[in-house]
PDB file of N, CA and C in Angstrom:
ATOM      1  N   MET A   1     -11.786  41.458 107.165  1.00  0.00           N
ATOM      2  CA  MET A   1     -12.375  42.301 108.183  1.00  0.00           C
ATOM      3  C   MET A   1     -13.803  42.655 107.769  1.00  0.00           C
ATOM      4  N   LYS A   2     -14.691  42.670 108.724  1.00  0.00           N
ATOM      5  CA  LYS A   2     -16.086  43.041 108.491  1.00  0.00           C
ATOM      6  C   LYS A   2     -16.287  44.492 108.907  1.00  0.00           C
ATOM      7  N   TYR A   3     -16.913  45.269 108.037  1.00  0.00           N
ATOM      8  CA  TYR A   3     -17.187  46.676 108.321  1.00  0.00           C
ATOM      9  C   TYR A   3     -18.658  46.867 108.644  1.00  0.00           C
ATOM     10  N   ASP A   4     -18.968  47.924 109.346  1.00  0.00           N
ATOM     11  CA  ASP A   4     -20.328  48.280 109.719  1.00  0.00           C
ATOM     12  C   ASP A   4     -21.031  48.877 108.492  1.00  0.00           C
ATOM     13  N   ASP A   5     -21.994  48.149 107.938  1.00  0.00           N
ATOM     14  CA  ASP A   5     -22.689  48.607 106.723  1.00  0.00           C
ATOM     15  C   ASP A   5     -23.341  49.970 106.904  1.00  0.00           C
ATOM     16  N   SER A   6     -23.895  50.240 108.081  1.00  0.00           N
ATOM     17  CA  SER A   6     -24.570  51.526 108.260  1.00  0.00           C
ATOM     18  C   SER A   6     -23.567  52.689 108.219  1.00  0.00           C
ATOM     19  N   ARG A   7     -22.361  52.476 108.708  1.00  0.00           N
ATOM     20  CA  ARG A   7     -21.337  53.524 108.643  1.00  0.00           C
ATOM     21  C   ARG A   7     -20.833  53.697 107.208  1.00  0.00           C
ATOM     22  N   ILE A   8     -20.716  52.596 106.484  1.00  0.00           N
ATOM     23  CA  ILE A   8     -20.341  52.671 105.062  1.00  0.00           C
ATOM     24  C   ILE A   8     -21.423  53.438 104.306  1.00  0.00           C
ATOM     25  N   ASP A   9     -22.692  53.094 104.556  1.00  0.00           N
ATOM     26  CA  ASP A   9     -23.806  53.781 103.891  1.00  0.00           C
ATOM     27  C   ASP A   9     -23.766  55.273 104.170  1.00  0.00           C
ATOM     28  N   ASP A  10     -23.517  55.653 105.432  1.00  0.00           N
ATOM     29  CA  ASP A  10     -23.432  57.075 105.789  1.00  0.00           C
ATOM     30  C   ASP A  10     -22.290  57.764 105.038  1.00  0.00           C
ATOM     31  N   ALA A  11     -21.140  57.103 104.960  1.00  0.00           N
ATOM     32  CA  ALA A  11     -19.992  57.702 104.273  1.00  0.00           C
ATOM     33  C   ALA A  11     -20.284  57.901 102.788  1.00  0.00           C
ATOM     34  N   VAL A  12     -20.886  56.902 102.147  1.00  0.00           N
ATOM     35  CA  VAL A  12     -21.208  57.019 100.722  1.00  0.00           C
ATOM     36  C   VAL A  12     -22.267  58.099 100.514  1.00  0.00           C
ATOM     37  N   LEU A  13     -23.290  58.121 101.362  1.00  0.00           N
ATOM     38  CA  LEU A  13     -24.320  59.156 101.237  1.00  0.00           C
ATOM     39  C   LEU A  13     -23.700  60.540 101.404  1.00  0.00           C
ATOM     40  N   ALA A  14     -22.782  60.684 102.355  1.00  0.00           N
ATOM     41  CA  ALA A  14     -22.106  61.969 102.560  1.00  0.00           C
ATOM     42  C   ALA A  14     -21.311  62.368 101.322  1.00  0.00           C
ATOM     43  N   LEU A  15     -20.610  61.426 100.717  1.00  0.00           N
ATOM     44  CA  LEU A  15     -19.841  61.721  99.505  1.00  0.00           C
ATOM     45  C   LEU A  15     -20.755  62.071  98.337  1.00  0.00           C
ATOM     46  N   LEU A  16     -21.858  61.337  98.188  1.00  0.00           N
ATOM     47  CA  LEU A  16     -22.815  61.658  97.125  1.00  0.00           C
ATOM     48  C   LEU A  16     -23.329  63.085  97.294  1.00  0.00           C
ATOM     49  N   ALA A  17     -23.683  63.447  98.524  1.00  0.00           N
ATOM     50  CA  ALA A  17     -24.205  64.797  98.777  1.00  0.00           C
ATOM     51  C   ALA A  17     -23.126  65.854  98.600  1.00  0.00           C
ATOM     52  N   ALA A  18     -21.927  65.575  99.085  1.00  0.00           N
ATOM     53  CA  ALA A  18     -20.839  66.556  99.007  1.00  0.00           C
ATOM     54  C   ALA A  18     -20.470  66.881  97.562  1.00  0.00           C
ATOM     55  N   PHE A  19     -20.587  65.898  96.685  1.00  0.00           N
ATOM     56  CA  PHE A  19     -20.205  66.107  95.288  1.00  0.00           C
ATOM     57  C   PHE A  19     -21.414  66.181  94.358  1.00  0.00           C
ATOM     58  N   SER A  20     -22.593  66.434  94.924  1.00  0.00           N
ATOM     59  CA  SER A  20     -23.801  66.520  94.099  1.00  0.00           C
ATOM     60  C   SER A  20     -23.818  67.831  93.319  1.00  0.00           C
ATOM     61  N   PHE A  21     -24.597  67.830  92.264  1.00  0.00           N
ATOM     62  CA  PHE A  21     -24.766  69.016  91.419  1.00  0.00           C
ATOM     63  C   PHE A  21     -26.221  69.061  90.990  1.00  0.00           C
ATOM     64  N   ASP A  22     -26.636  70.139  90.364  1.00  0.00           N
ATOM     65  CA  ASP A  22     -28.038  70.305  89.940  1.00  0.00           C
ATOM     66  C   ASP A  22     -29.004  70.046  91.095  1.00  0.00           C
ATOM     67  N   ASP A  23     -28.597  70.430  92.301  1.00  0.00           N
ATOM     68  CA  ASP A  23     -29.423  70.298  93.505  1.00  0.00           C
ATOM     69  C   ASP A  23     -29.873  68.862  93.777  1.00  0.00           C
ATOM     70  N   GLY A  24     -28.926  67.939  93.717  1.00  0.00           N
ATOM     71  CA  GLY A  24     -29.238  66.582  94.147  1.00  0.00           C
ATOM     72  C   GLY A  24     -28.833  65.472  93.200  1.00  0.00           C
ATOM     73  N   ARG A  25     -28.208  65.785  92.101  1.00  0.00           N
ATOM     74  CA  ARG A  25     -27.751  64.746  91.170  1.00  0.00           C
ATOM     75  C   ARG A  25     -26.309  64.418  91.521  1.00  0.00           C
ATOM     76  N   ALA A  26     -25.948  63.113  91.454  1.00  0.00           N
ATOM     77  CA  ALA A  26     -24.589  62.697  91.803  1.00  0.00           C
ATOM     78  C   ALA A  26     -24.177  61.512  90.938  1.00  0.00           C
ATOM     79  N   TRP A  27     -22.891  61.419  90.682  1.00  0.00           N
ATOM     80  CA  TRP A  27     -22.357  60.276  89.935  1.00  0.00           C
ATOM     81  C   TRP A  27     -22.428  59.043  90.816  1.00  0.00           C
ATOM     82  N   LYS A  28     -22.754  57.922  90.238  1.00  0.00           N
ATOM     83  CA  LYS A  28     -23.024  56.725  91.034  1.00  0.00           C
ATOM     84  C   LYS A  28     -21.895  55.698  91.002  1.00  0.00           C
ATOM     85  N   GLY A  29     -20.684  56.088  91.159  1.00  0.00           N
ATOM     86  CA  GLY A  29     -19.542  55.184  91.085  1.00  0.00           C
ATOM     87  C   GLY A  29     -19.219  54.459  92.370  1.00  0.00           C
ATOM     88  N   PHE A  30     -20.212  53.992  93.093  1.00  0.00           N
ATOM     89  CA  PHE A  30     -19.982  53.285  94.350  1.00  0.00           C
ATOM     90  C   PHE A  30     -20.506  51.849  94.250  1.00  0.00           C
ATOM     91  N   ASP A  31     -20.138  51.052  95.213  1.00  0.00           N
ATOM     92  CA  ASP A  31     -20.530  49.647  95.287  1.00  0.00           C
ATOM     93  C   ASP A  31     -22.048  49.471  95.101  1.00  0.00           C
ATOM     94  N   PHE A  32     -22.420  48.484  94.298  1.00  0.00           N
ATOM     95  CA  PHE A  32     -23.838  48.249  93.995  1.00  0.00           C
ATOM     96  C   PHE A  32     -24.649  47.947  95.251  1.00  0.00           C
ATOM     97  N   ASP A  33     -24.098  47.152  96.164  1.00  0.00           N
ATOM     98  CA  ASP A  33     -24.839  46.810  97.381  1.00  0.00           C
ATOM     99  C   ASP A  33     -25.142  48.050  98.220  1.00  0.00           C
ATOM    100  N   VAL A  34     -24.162  48.927  98.342  1.00  0.00           N
ATOM    101  CA  VAL A  34     -24.371  50.167  99.105  1.00  0.00           C
ATOM    102  C   VAL A  34     -25.443  51.009  98.431  1.00  0.00           C
ATOM    103  N   MET A  35     -25.340  51.177  97.125  1.00  0.00           N
ATOM    104  CA  MET A  35     -26.322  51.990  96.402  1.00  0.00           C
ATOM    105  C   MET A  35     -27.724  51.393  96.531  1.00  0.00           C
ATOM    106  N   ASN A  36     -27.831  50.076  96.471  1.00  0.00           N
ATOM    107  CA  ASN A  36     -29.140  49.431  96.629  1.00  0.00           C
ATOM    108  C   ASN A  36     -29.694  49.640  98.033  1.00  0.00           C
ATOM    109  N   ARG A  37     -28.840  49.597  99.057  1.00  0.00           N
ATOM    110  CA  ARG A  37     -29.307  49.854 100.429  1.00  0.00           C
ATOM    111  C   ARG A  37     -29.790  51.293 100.577  1.00  0.00           C
ATOM    112  N   LEU A  38     -29.054  52.251 100.004  1.00  0.00           N
ATOM    113  CA  LEU A  38     -29.484  53.649 100.076  1.00  0.00           C
ATOM    114  C   LEU A  38     -30.819  53.845  99.374  1.00  0.00           C
ATOM    115  N   HIS A  39     -31.002  53.160  98.263  1.00  0.00           N
ATOM    116  CA  HIS A  39     -32.291  53.225  97.553  1.00  0.00           C
ATOM    117  C   HIS A  39     -33.405  52.612  98.401  1.00  0.00           C
ATOM    118  N   ALA A  40     -33.134  51.470  99.020  1.00  0.00           N
ATOM    119  CA  ALA A  40     -34.143  50.805  99.860  1.00  0.00           C
ATOM    120  C   ALA A  40     -34.551  51.691 101.042  1.00  0.00           C
ATOM    121  N   GLN A  41     -33.642  52.549 101.503  1.00  0.00           N
ATOM    122  CA  GLN A  41     -33.934  53.472 102.607  1.00  0.00           C
ATOM    123  C   GLN A  41     -34.632  54.740 102.127  1.00  0.00           C
ATOM    124  N   GLY A  42     -34.813  54.875 100.808  1.00  0.00           N
ATOM    125  CA  GLY A  42     -35.486  56.051 100.257  1.00  0.00           C
ATOM    126  C   GLY A  42     -34.605  57.277 100.185  1.00  0.00           C
ATOM    127  N   LEU A  43     -33.273  57.085 100.165  1.00  0.00           N
ATOM    128  CA  LEU A  43     -32.355  58.215 100.167  1.00  0.00           C
ATOM    129  C   LEU A  43     -31.869  58.606  98.776  1.00  0.00           C
ATOM    130  N   ILE A  44     -31.944  57.676  97.815  1.00  0.00           N
ATOM    131  CA  ILE A  44     -31.591  57.949  96.416  1.00  0.00           C
ATOM    132  C   ILE A  44     -32.616  57.272  95.525  1.00  0.00           C
ATOM    133  N   ASP A  45     -32.667  57.719  94.264  1.00  0.00           N
ATOM    134  CA  ASP A  45     -33.557  57.040  93.328  1.00  0.00           C
ATOM    135  C   ASP A  45     -32.918  55.709  92.922  1.00  0.00           C
ATOM    136  N   ASP A  46     -33.632  54.929  92.136  1.00  0.00           N
ATOM    137  CA  ASP A  46     -33.177  53.590  91.765  1.00  0.00           C
ATOM    138  C   ASP A  46     -31.854  53.666  91.008  1.00  0.00           C
ATOM    139  N   PRO A  47     -30.800  53.045  91.544  1.00  0.00           N
ATOM    140  CA  PRO A  47     -29.488  53.139  90.900  1.00  0.00           C
ATOM    141  C   PRO A  47     -29.301  52.181  89.726  1.00  0.00           C
ATOM    142  N   ARG A  48     -30.234  51.265  89.543  1.00  0.00           N
ATOM    143  CA  ARG A  48     -30.102  50.325  88.433  1.00  0.00           C
ATOM    144  C   ARG A  48     -30.402  51.021  87.122  1.00  0.00           C
ATOM    145  N   GLY A  49     -29.723  50.609  86.089  1.00  0.00           N
ATOM    146  CA  GLY A  49     -29.937  51.196  84.776  1.00  0.00           C
ATOM    147  C   GLY A  49     -28.638  51.713  84.184  1.00  0.00           C
ATOM    148  N   LYS A  50     -28.746  52.235  82.977  1.00  0.00           N
ATOM    149  CA  LYS A  50     -27.561  52.668  82.241  1.00  0.00           C
ATOM    150  C   LYS A  50     -27.077  54.069  82.617  1.00  0.00           C
ATOM    151  N   ALA A  51     -27.925  54.855  83.260  1.00  0.00           N
ATOM    152  CA  ALA A  51     -27.522  56.215  83.629  1.00  0.00           C
ATOM    153  C   ALA A  51     -26.302  56.165  84.544  1.00  0.00           C
ATOM    154  N   LYS A  52     -25.417  57.135  84.384  1.00  0.00           N
ATOM    155  CA  LYS A  52     -24.197  57.181  85.194  1.00  0.00           C
ATOM    156  C   LYS A  52     -24.368  58.026  86.442  1.00  0.00           C
ATOM    157  N   SER A  53     -25.572  58.537  86.645  1.00  0.00           N
ATOM    158  CA  SER A  53     -25.824  59.346  87.830  1.00  0.00           C
ATOM    159  C   SER A  53     -27.156  58.956  88.453  1.00  0.00           C
ATOM    160  N   ILE A  54     -27.355  59.388  89.675  1.00  0.00           N
ATOM    161  CA  ILE A  54     -28.607  59.168  90.408  1.00  0.00           C
ATOM    162  C   ILE A  54     -29.058  60.503  90.982  1.00  0.00           C
ATOM    163  N   TRP A  55     -30.279  60.543  91.451  1.00  0.00           N
ATOM    164  CA  TRP A  55     -30.791  61.697  92.183  1.00  0.00           C
ATOM    165  C   TRP A  55     -30.895  61.321  93.645  1.00  0.00           C
ATOM    166  N   LEU A  56     -30.439  62.189  94.521  1.00  0.00           N
ATOM    167  CA  LEU A  56     -30.701  62.021  95.940  1.00  0.00           C
ATOM    168  C   LEU A  56     -32.107  62.542  96.192  1.00  0.00           C
ATOM    169  N   THR A  57     -32.858  61.842  97.034  1.00  0.00           N
ATOM    170  CA  THR A  57     -34.171  62.345  97.418  1.00  0.00           C
ATOM    171  C   THR A  57     -33.956  63.565  98.313  1.00  0.00           C
ATOM    172  N   PRO A  58     -34.982  64.389  98.523  1.00  0.00           N
ATOM    173  CA  PRO A  58     -34.803  65.533  99.426  1.00  0.00           C
ATOM    174  C   PRO A  58     -34.277  65.102 100.800  1.00  0.00           C
ATOM    175  N   GLU A  59     -34.819  64.004 101.329  1.00  0.00           N
ATOM    176  CA  GLU A  59     -34.342  63.485 102.620  1.00  0.00           C
ATOM    177  C   GLU A  59     -32.891  63.030 102.519  1.00  0.00           C
ATOM    178  N   GLY A  60     -32.552  62.340 101.424  1.00  0.00           N
ATOM    179  CA  GLY A  60     -31.186  61.870 101.238  1.00  0.00           C
ATOM    180  C   GLY A  60     -30.195  63.009 101.113  1.00  0.00           C
ATOM    181  N   LEU A  61     -30.574  64.057 100.389  1.00  0.00           N
ATOM    182  CA  LEU A  61     -29.692  65.203 100.217  1.00  0.00           C
ATOM    183  C   LEU A  61     -29.482  65.925 101.555  1.00  0.00           C
ATOM    184  N   GLU A  62     -30.547  66.116 102.303  1.00  0.00           N
ATOM    185  CA  GLU A  62     -30.442  66.783 103.602  1.00  0.00           C
ATOM    186  C   GLU A  62     -29.589  65.952 104.567  1.00  0.00           C
ATOM    187  N   ARG A  63     -29.888  64.667 104.655  1.00  0.00           N
ATOM    188  CA  ARG A  63     -29.126  63.795 105.558  1.00  0.00           C
ATOM    189  C   ARG A  63     -27.672  63.690 105.109  1.00  0.00           C
ATOM    190  N   GLY A  64     -27.447  63.529 103.818  1.00  0.00           N
ATOM    191  CA  GLY A  64     -26.089  63.425 103.292  1.00  0.00           C
ATOM    192  C   GLY A  64     -25.277  64.679 103.557  1.00  0.00           C
ATOM    193  N   ARG A  65     -25.874  65.843 103.377  1.00  0.00           N
ATOM    194  CA  ARG A  65     -25.169  67.105 103.647  1.00  0.00           C
ATOM    195  C   ARG A  65     -24.834  67.239 105.129  1.00  0.00           C
ATOM    196  N   SER A  66     -25.745  66.808 105.985  1.00  0.00           N
ATOM    197  CA  SER A  66     -25.503  66.864 107.426  1.00  0.00           C
ATOM    198  C   SER A  66     -24.334  65.951 107.816  1.00  0.00           C
ATOM    199  N   ILE A  67     -24.323  64.745 107.285  1.00  0.00           N
ATOM    200  CA  ILE A  67     -23.236  63.811 107.569  1.00  0.00           C
ATOM    201  C   ILE A  67     -21.922  64.339 106.987  1.00  0.00           C
ATOM    202  N   ALA A  68     -21.968  64.877 105.765  1.00  0.00           N
ATOM    203  CA  ALA A  68     -20.761  65.416 105.134  1.00  0.00           C
ATOM    204  C   ALA A  68     -20.179  66.564 105.962  1.00  0.00           C
ATOM    205  N   GLU A  69     -21.036  67.426 106.482  1.00  0.00           N
ATOM    206  CA  GLU A  69     -20.563  68.534 107.318  1.00  0.00           C
ATOM    207  C   GLU A  69     -19.869  67.983 108.560  1.00  0.00           C
ATOM    208  N   ARG A  70     -20.474  66.990 109.167  1.00  0.00           N
ATOM    209  CA  ARG A  70     -19.889  66.388 110.373  1.00  0.00           C
ATOM    210  C   ARG A  70     -18.566  65.687 110.057  1.00  0.00           C
ATOM    211  N   MET A  71     -18.523  64.951 108.948  1.00  0.00           N
ATOM    212  CA  MET A  71     -17.344  64.159 108.616  1.00  0.00           C
ATOM    213  C   MET A  71     -16.243  64.968 107.944  1.00  0.00           C
ATOM    214  N   PHE A  72     -16.624  65.891 107.068  1.00  0.00           N
ATOM    215  CA  PHE A  72     -15.648  66.555 106.208  1.00  0.00           C
ATOM    216  C   PHE A  72     -15.583  68.068 106.377  1.00  0.00           C
ATOM    217  N   GLY A  73     -16.398  68.628 107.247  1.00  0.00           N
ATOM    218  CA  GLY A  73     -16.471  70.083 107.399  1.00  0.00           C
ATOM    219  C   GLY A  73     -15.126  70.686 107.766  1.00  0.00           C
ATOM    220  N   ALA A  74     -14.887  71.873 107.261  1.00  0.00           N
ATOM    221  CA  ALA A  74     -13.632  72.571 107.532  1.00  0.00           C
ATOM    222  C   ALA A  74     -13.548  72.927 109.004  1.00  0.00           C
ATOM    223  N   ARG A  75     -12.375  72.798 109.540  1.00  0.00           N
ATOM    224  CA  ARG A  75     -12.127  73.167 110.930  1.00  0.00           C
ATOM    225  C   ARG A  75     -11.556  74.571 110.965  1.00  0.00           C
ATOM    226  N   PRO A  76     -11.869  75.304 112.012  1.00  0.00           N
ATOM    227  CA  PRO A  76     -11.290  76.651 112.136  1.00  0.00           C
ATOM    228  C   PRO A  76      -9.756  76.568 112.170  1.00  0.00           C
ATOM    229  N   LYS A  77      -9.106  77.600 111.647  1.00  0.00           N
ATOM    230  CA  LYS A  77      -7.625  77.626 111.652  1.00  0.00           C
ATOM    231  C   LYS A  77      -7.127  77.503 113.082  1.00  0.00           C
ATOM    232  N   GLY A  78      -6.031  76.769 113.235  1.00  0.00           N
ATOM    233  CA  GLY A  78      -5.444  76.579 114.544  1.00  0.00           C
ATOM    234  C   GLY A  78      -6.111  75.480 115.347  1.00  0.00           C
ATOM    235  N   ASP A  79      -7.040  74.739 114.694  1.00  0.00           N
ATOM    236  CA  ASP A  79      -7.766  73.668 115.372  1.00  0.00           C
ATOM    237  C   ASP A  79      -7.218  72.311 114.962  1.00  0.00           C
ATOM    238  N   GLY A  80      -5.962  72.229 114.599  1.00  0.00           N
ATOM    239  CA  GLY A  80      -5.274  70.996 114.322  1.00  0.00           C
ATOM    240  C   GLY A  80      -5.329  70.512 112.981  1.00  0.00           C
TER     241      GLY A  80
END
């Protein structure tokens, strides 16, 4: 099955932002191709190298948090 790369990128960016610490640092345990695409879009710093974490750019952190809220945000009680 073929998946929509842009939706995968959004999901990974949302997860990076949701689990970020130190105001934008996140563990980089995701597919290399996805991480390279996010870097090419200017949303994270260069994921290549020995470091086990990356920094989200200010734009990446803002966009990732927005997507995470939409995808994972808590629903009011009684809302299913």
